[in-house]
Amino acid sequence: MADKQISLPAKLINGGVAGLIGVTCVFPIDLAKTRLQNQQNGSRLYTSMSDCLIKTIRSEGYFGMYRGAAVNLTLVTPEKAIKLAANDFFRFHLSKDGQKLTLLREMLAGCGAGTCQVIITTPMEMLKIQLQDAGRIEAQRKLMPQAVTPGGPVEVKSPTAMQLTRQLLKEKGIAGLYKGLGATLLRDVPFSIIYFPLFANLNNLGKRGADGPAPFYVSFISGCAAGSTAAVAVNPVDVIKTRLQSLTRGSQEDTYSGVSDCIRKILRNEGPGAFLKGAYCRALVIAPLFGIAQVVYFLGVGEFLLSYLPKRNN
């Protein structure tokens, strides 16, 4: 992130706009990632990302690729805003008299940002995963009826986010929306520890002069490179988180009581390679998502809107 001072409202607008644009562009790949990660031995429907997307379009139509997008688009604004603003906040307070942050302090700032964002990330992903995976379960019911038994807290063919939310709150209270919180922390904190320092250092290589800002394309490339690297690095934990947060499963698919139980059963039944399921999809999602986020952030869309809108009202 840039070390220049930007007002908090501008940071929040920047993060929100970046999240909305990024999610809209890459959501179908994210859906494929979730479905590939949730596949277990004996109930495989998809062989690859492209196969998953083709079958999704055939069985659910074009908009089937955007199942769960409404939840993501609604909550991605506060999620990305918190993540980006928190990182800047911690970088500012960890800096000494405006001096360049050490790598350790950059990692600490990223750790703080990752910890803050799970407040929104956990319920957002909890709901999104149920909606994204519903098409896979429906396809199993049609093509492999022996592999699926009713389960989960909501017994409907196409649950809505509100149905899921109401049922989870009714049965388990607020804790229902925060299932998988530990796994989410184990994913998002290391991701931010890797992403933010790597982005800052890559972006600094493209700066114009000692104090000049980096061109927007440098910020975009740096965001893509740092995002994809961090995404692949934490993909094993993302697989665990996805499995723990999935509420409906086939009769031949394992259920898990926690992180350690999930790791043990995946290793025993699917082998170490299962932890890399959806890794390339995740890299394809995160790279442009964070590249776009950094460009929007560095272009100062929030500052522009805050300064322009009042003038329009005069």
Protein backbone atom coordinates (compact mmCIF):
# COMPACT_ATOMS: atom_id res chain seq x y z
CA MET A 1 0.00 0.00 0.00
CA ALA A 2 1.05 3.53 -0.44
CA ASP A 3 2.38 5.36 2.53
CA LYS A 4 0.72 8.62 1.52
CA GLN A 5 -1.99 9.77 3.88
CA ILE A 6 -5.54 9.27 2.66
CA SER A 7 -8.63 10.03 4.71
CA LEU A 8 -10.48 7.06 6.19
CA PRO A 9 -13.70 7.68 4.17
CA ALA A 10 -11.65 7.76 0.96
CA LYS A 11 -9.93 4.50 1.94
CA LEU A 12 -13.27 2.84 2.57
CA ILE A 13 -14.68 4.02 -0.78
CA ASN A 14 -11.53 2.88 -2.60
CA GLY A 15 -11.70 -0.56 -1.01
CA GLY A 16 -15.41 -0.92 -1.70
CA VAL A 17 -15.24 0.13 -5.36
CA ALA A 18 -12.22 -2.13 -5.92
CA GLY A 19 -14.01 -5.09 -4.36
CA LEU A 20 -17.17 -4.63 -6.42
CA ILE A 21 -15.28 -4.41 -9.71
CA GLY A 22 -12.96 -7.28 -8.91
CA VAL A 23 -15.64 -9.70 -7.68
CA THR A 24 -17.86 -9.04 -10.71
CA CYS A 25 -14.99 -9.92 -13.05
CA VAL A 26 -13.77 -13.13 -11.40
CA PHE A 27 -16.79 -14.63 -9.58
CA PRO A 28 -17.39 -17.54 -12.03
CA ILE A 29 -13.81 -18.75 -11.44
CA ASP A 30 -14.38 -18.50 -7.70
CA LEU A 31 -17.51 -20.65 -8.05
CA ALA A 32 -15.47 -23.27 -9.93
CA LYS A 33 -12.85 -23.17 -7.17
CA THR A 34 -15.44 -23.87 -4.46
CA ARG A 35 -17.00 -26.77 -6.35
CA LEU A 36 -13.64 -28.34 -7.18
CA GLN A 37 -12.46 -28.05 -3.58
CA ASN A 38 -15.65 -29.66 -2.25
CA GLN A 39 -15.44 -32.68 -4.55
CA GLN A 40 -14.42 -35.84 -2.75
CA ASN A 41 -13.54 -39.32 -3.97
CA GLY A 42 -16.59 -41.18 -5.24
CA SER A 43 -18.62 -38.07 -6.05
CA ARG A 44 -16.62 -36.22 -8.68
CA LEU A 45 -18.58 -34.30 -11.28
CA TYR A 46 -15.92 -31.95 -12.63
CA THR A 47 -12.46 -32.71 -13.99
CA SER A 48 -11.18 -29.14 -14.27
CA MET A 49 -12.14 -25.48 -14.03
CA SER A 50 -13.25 -25.31 -17.66
CA ASP A 51 -15.26 -28.53 -17.32
CA CYS A 52 -16.95 -27.14 -14.22
CA LEU A 53 -17.90 -23.87 -15.92
CA ILE A 54 -19.17 -25.62 -19.07
CA LYS A 55 -21.32 -28.04 -17.08
CA THR A 56 -22.59 -25.21 -14.89
CA ILE A 57 -23.74 -23.21 -17.92
CA ARG A 58 -25.39 -26.27 -19.47
CA SER A 59 -27.31 -27.26 -16.34
CA GLU A 60 -27.92 -23.88 -14.67
CA GLY A 61 -27.59 -21.32 -17.43
CA TYR A 62 -25.17 -18.41 -17.69
CA PHE A 63 -26.28 -16.84 -14.43
CA GLY A 64 -25.66 -20.13 -12.67
CA MET A 65 -22.02 -19.09 -12.64
CA TYR A 66 -23.01 -16.18 -10.39
CA ARG A 67 -24.70 -18.18 -7.62
CA GLY A 68 -23.85 -16.44 -4.37
CA ALA A 69 -22.64 -13.30 -6.11
CA ALA A 70 -25.24 -11.12 -4.41
CA VAL A 71 -23.90 -12.04 -0.97
CA ASN A 72 -20.35 -11.46 -2.09
CA LEU A 73 -21.12 -8.13 -3.73
CA THR A 74 -23.02 -6.96 -0.66
CA LEU A 75 -20.32 -7.84 1.85
CA VAL A 76 -17.18 -7.42 -0.25
CA THR A 77 -17.35 -3.63 0.13
CA PRO A 78 -16.90 -3.63 3.93
CA GLU A 79 -14.55 -6.63 3.71
CA LYS A 80 -12.13 -5.06 1.22
CA ALA A 81 -12.49 -1.66 2.86
CA ILE A 82 -11.52 -3.07 6.24
CA LYS A 83 -8.61 -5.06 4.79
CA LEU A 84 -7.04 -2.17 2.85
CA ALA A 85 -7.73 0.51 5.43
CA ALA A 86 -6.51 -1.66 8.31
CA ASN A 87 -3.25 -2.37 6.54
CA ASP A 88 -2.64 1.35 6.01
CA PHE A 89 -3.60 2.03 9.64
CA PHE A 90 -1.11 -0.49 11.00
CA ARG A 91 1.62 0.60 8.58
CA PHE A 92 1.18 4.20 9.69
CA HIS A 93 1.37 3.37 13.39
CA LEU A 94 4.28 0.97 12.95
CA SER A 95 6.37 3.47 11.00
CA LYS A 96 8.94 5.61 12.77
CA ASP A 97 8.98 9.26 11.71
CA GLY A 98 7.88 8.37 8.21
CA GLN A 99 10.83 6.02 7.65
CA LYS A 100 10.54 2.95 5.45
CA LEU A 101 9.05 -0.01 7.28
CA THR A 102 11.21 -3.06 7.93
CA LEU A 103 10.01 -6.38 6.50
CA LEU A 104 8.99 -7.56 9.98
CA ARG A 105 6.83 -4.46 10.53
CA GLU A 106 5.26 -4.86 7.09
CA MET A 107 4.37 -8.43 8.02
CA LEU A 108 2.91 -7.28 11.34
CA ALA A 109 0.76 -4.72 9.52
CA GLY A 110 -0.47 -7.43 7.16
CA CYS A 111 -1.20 -9.69 10.13
CA GLY A 112 -3.33 -6.95 11.70
CA ALA A 113 -5.24 -6.39 8.45
CA GLY A 114 -5.94 -10.10 8.00
CA THR A 115 -7.17 -10.42 11.58
CA CYS A 116 -9.56 -7.47 11.22
CA GLN A 117 -11.13 -8.60 7.96
CA VAL A 118 -12.41 -11.97 9.27
CA ILE A 119 -15.21 -10.09 11.03
CA ILE A 120 -16.84 -9.78 7.60
CA THR A 121 -15.06 -12.54 5.67
CA THR A 122 -16.27 -15.49 7.74
CA PRO A 123 -20.06 -14.98 7.43
CA MET A 124 -19.65 -13.80 3.83
CA GLU A 125 -17.80 -16.97 2.82
CA MET A 126 -20.07 -19.16 4.93
CA LEU A 127 -23.14 -18.03 2.97
CA LYS A 128 -21.37 -17.80 -0.38
CA ILE A 129 -20.07 -21.37 -0.21
CA GLN A 130 -23.55 -22.81 0.44
CA LEU A 131 -24.97 -20.96 -2.56
CA GLN A 132 -22.04 -21.77 -4.85
CA ASP A 133 -22.06 -25.46 -3.98
CA ALA A 134 -25.85 -25.89 -4.27
CA GLY A 135 -25.56 -26.51 -8.02
CA ARG A 136 -23.04 -29.29 -7.48
CA ILE A 137 -25.35 -31.01 -4.97
CA GLU A 138 -28.32 -30.64 -7.34
CA ALA A 139 -26.28 -32.17 -10.17
CA GLN A 140 -25.32 -35.08 -7.93
CA ARG A 141 -28.97 -35.68 -7.10
CA LYS A 142 -29.76 -35.92 -10.82
CA LEU A 143 -26.70 -37.82 -12.07
CA MET A 144 -25.66 -39.78 -8.96
CA PRO A 145 -28.75 -40.06 -6.72
CA GLN A 146 -27.11 -42.78 -4.67
CA ALA A 147 -24.28 -40.38 -3.71
CA VAL A 148 -26.43 -37.70 -2.09
CA THR A 149 -28.55 -37.77 1.03
CA PRO A 150 -30.43 -34.79 2.44
CA GLY A 151 -28.37 -32.86 4.97
CA GLY A 152 -27.50 -29.45 6.24
CA PRO A 153 -29.62 -26.92 8.01
CA VAL A 154 -31.70 -25.92 5.00
CA GLU A 155 -33.56 -28.55 2.97
CA VAL A 156 -34.40 -26.59 -0.16
CA LYS A 157 -33.33 -27.07 -3.75
CA SER A 158 -32.07 -23.54 -4.26
CA PRO A 159 -31.58 -21.85 -0.88
CA THR A 160 -31.38 -18.10 -0.69
CA ALA A 161 -28.96 -16.15 1.47
CA MET A 162 -31.81 -14.97 3.68
CA GLN A 163 -33.11 -18.53 4.15
CA LEU A 164 -29.65 -19.73 5.12
CA THR A 165 -29.08 -16.80 7.46
CA ARG A 166 -32.42 -17.19 9.23
CA GLN A 167 -31.98 -20.94 9.66
CA LEU A 168 -28.42 -20.65 10.96
CA LEU A 169 -29.37 -17.90 13.42
CA LYS A 170 -32.40 -19.90 14.57
CA GLU A 171 -30.49 -23.14 15.14
CA LYS A 172 -27.05 -21.98 16.24
CA GLY A 173 -27.26 -18.26 16.87
CA ILE A 174 -24.56 -15.90 15.61
CA ALA A 175 -22.01 -18.71 15.97
CA GLY A 176 -23.69 -20.43 13.01
CA LEU A 177 -22.52 -17.67 10.70
CA TYR A 178 -19.00 -17.92 12.11
CA LYS A 179 -18.46 -21.61 11.53
CA GLY A 180 -14.93 -22.06 10.24
CA LEU A 181 -13.66 -18.88 11.93
CA GLY A 182 -10.44 -20.58 13.01
CA ALA A 183 -9.72 -21.85 9.50
CA THR A 184 -10.53 -18.43 8.07
CA LEU A 185 -8.00 -16.84 10.42
CA LEU A 186 -5.44 -19.49 9.47
CA ARG A 187 -5.96 -18.55 5.82
CA ASP A 188 -6.40 -14.78 5.88
CA VAL A 189 -3.68 -13.85 8.38
CA PRO A 190 -0.86 -15.69 6.53
CA PHE A 191 -2.27 -14.42 3.22
CA SER A 192 -2.02 -10.80 4.38
CA ILE A 193 1.42 -11.40 5.92
CA ILE A 194 2.64 -12.57 2.51
CA TYR A 195 0.61 -10.28 0.26
CA PHE A 196 1.07 -6.79 1.66
CA PRO A 197 4.89 -6.81 2.13
CA LEU A 198 5.38 -8.53 -1.23
CA PHE A 199 3.13 -6.02 -2.99
CA ALA A 200 4.80 -3.03 -1.31
CA ASN A 201 8.28 -4.18 -2.29
CA LEU A 202 7.33 -5.10 -5.86
CA ASN A 203 5.51 -1.80 -6.27
CA ASN A 204 8.53 0.13 -4.96
CA LEU A 205 10.67 -1.35 -7.74
CA GLY A 206 8.54 0.51 -10.29
CA LYS A 207 8.49 3.91 -8.60
CA ARG A 208 9.50 6.97 -10.59
CA GLY A 209 12.38 8.29 -8.57
CA ALA A 210 12.88 7.97 -4.83
CA ASP A 211 9.61 9.62 -3.82
CA GLY A 212 7.50 9.38 -6.95
CA PRO A 213 4.48 7.07 -7.15
CA ALA A 214 4.55 3.90 -9.24
CA PRO A 215 2.57 3.97 -12.52
CA PHE A 216 -0.85 2.33 -12.34
CA TYR A 217 0.27 -0.63 -14.48
CA VAL A 218 3.09 -1.36 -12.02
CA SER A 219 0.57 -1.36 -9.17
CA PHE A 220 -1.68 -3.69 -11.18
CA ILE A 221 1.11 -6.15 -12.02
CA SER A 222 2.43 -6.02 -8.46
CA GLY A 223 -1.05 -6.68 -7.07
CA CYS A 224 -1.54 -9.63 -9.44
CA ALA A 225 1.87 -11.15 -8.67
CA ALA A 226 1.60 -10.72 -4.91
CA GLY A 227 -2.02 -11.89 -4.84
CA SER A 228 -1.46 -15.07 -6.85
CA THR A 229 1.66 -15.95 -4.82
CA ALA A 230 -0.14 -15.52 -1.50
CA ALA A 231 -3.23 -17.35 -2.80
CA VAL A 232 -1.32 -20.48 -3.80
CA ALA A 233 0.69 -20.41 -0.56
CA VAL A 234 -2.45 -20.58 1.62
CA ASN A 235 -4.56 -22.79 -0.67
CA PRO A 236 -4.29 -25.86 1.62
CA VAL A 237 -5.97 -23.88 4.40
CA ASP A 238 -8.57 -22.57 1.94
CA VAL A 239 -9.49 -26.18 1.09
CA ILE A 240 -9.91 -26.93 4.80
CA LYS A 241 -12.01 -23.80 5.33
CA THR A 242 -14.25 -24.61 2.37
CA ARG A 243 -14.83 -28.17 3.58
CA LEU A 244 -15.60 -27.04 7.15
CA GLN A 245 -18.06 -24.37 6.00
CA SER A 246 -19.99 -26.65 3.61
CA LEU A 247 -23.23 -27.71 5.28
CA THR A 248 -24.70 -30.11 2.69
CA ARG A 249 -22.77 -33.21 1.59
CA GLY A 250 -23.22 -36.43 -0.30
CA SER A 251 -23.62 -39.74 1.53
CA GLN A 252 -20.14 -40.79 0.38
CA GLU A 253 -18.49 -37.53 1.43
CA ASP A 254 -16.71 -37.02 4.74
CA THR A 255 -17.90 -34.68 7.46
CA TYR A 256 -15.44 -32.91 9.76
CA SER A 257 -15.46 -31.89 13.40
CA GLY A 258 -12.63 -29.37 13.15
CA VAL A 259 -9.40 -28.34 11.44
CA SER A 260 -7.29 -31.26 12.68
CA ASP A 261 -10.01 -33.80 11.86
CA CYS A 262 -10.35 -32.32 8.37
CA ILE A 263 -6.60 -32.52 7.74
CA ARG A 264 -6.46 -36.12 8.97
CA LYS A 265 -9.37 -37.33 6.83
CA ILE A 266 -8.20 -35.54 3.69
CA LEU A 267 -4.72 -37.05 4.02
CA ARG A 268 -6.13 -40.51 4.68
CA ASN A 269 -8.84 -40.59 2.02
CA GLU A 270 -7.58 -38.27 -0.73
CA GLY A 271 -3.86 -37.82 -0.23
CA PRO A 272 -1.71 -34.65 0.06
CA GLY A 273 -2.60 -33.55 -3.47
CA ALA A 274 -6.15 -32.77 -2.32
CA PHE A 275 -4.84 -29.70 -0.48
CA LEU A 276 -3.98 -28.17 -3.86
CA LYS A 277 -7.50 -28.57 -5.27
CA GLY A 278 -8.62 -25.35 -6.90
CA ALA A 279 -5.18 -23.73 -6.45
CA TYR A 280 -4.96 -22.47 -10.02
CA CYS A 281 -8.57 -21.25 -9.86
CA ARG A 282 -7.79 -19.38 -6.66
CA ALA A 283 -4.71 -17.82 -8.24
CA LEU A 284 -6.82 -16.74 -11.24
CA VAL A 285 -9.37 -15.21 -8.87
CA ILE A 286 -7.02 -13.42 -6.51
CA ALA A 287 -4.54 -12.07 -9.09
CA PRO A 288 -6.93 -9.75 -11.00
CA LEU A 289 -9.00 -9.09 -7.86
CA PHE A 290 -6.07 -7.56 -6.02
CA GLY A 291 -4.55 -6.06 -9.16
CA ILE A 292 -7.79 -4.16 -9.77
CA ALA A 293 -8.02 -3.29 -6.07
CA GLN A 294 -4.59 -1.70 -6.04
CA VAL A 295 -5.20 0.29 -9.23
CA VAL A 296 -8.50 1.68 -7.89
CA TYR A 297 -6.88 2.41 -4.55
CA PHE A 298 -3.89 4.17 -6.05
CA LEU A 299 -5.98 6.14 -8.52
CA GLY A 300 -7.76 7.59 -5.50
CA VAL A 301 -11.34 6.99 -6.60
CA GLY A 302 -12.52 7.66 -3.04
CA GLU A 303 -10.76 11.02 -2.87
CA PHE A 304 -12.22 11.96 -6.25
CA LEU A 305 -15.77 11.10 -5.22
CA LEU A 306 -15.48 12.91 -1.90
CA SER A 307 -14.21 16.06 -3.59
CA TYR A 308 -16.42 15.90 -6.71
CA LEU A 309 -19.85 15.04 -5.34
CA PRO A 310 -20.22 18.12 -3.11
CA LYS A 311 -19.35 20.34 -6.06
CA ARG A 312 -22.16 18.77 -8.07
CA ASN A 313 -24.61 19.73 -5.34
CA ASN A 314 -23.62 23.40 -5.30
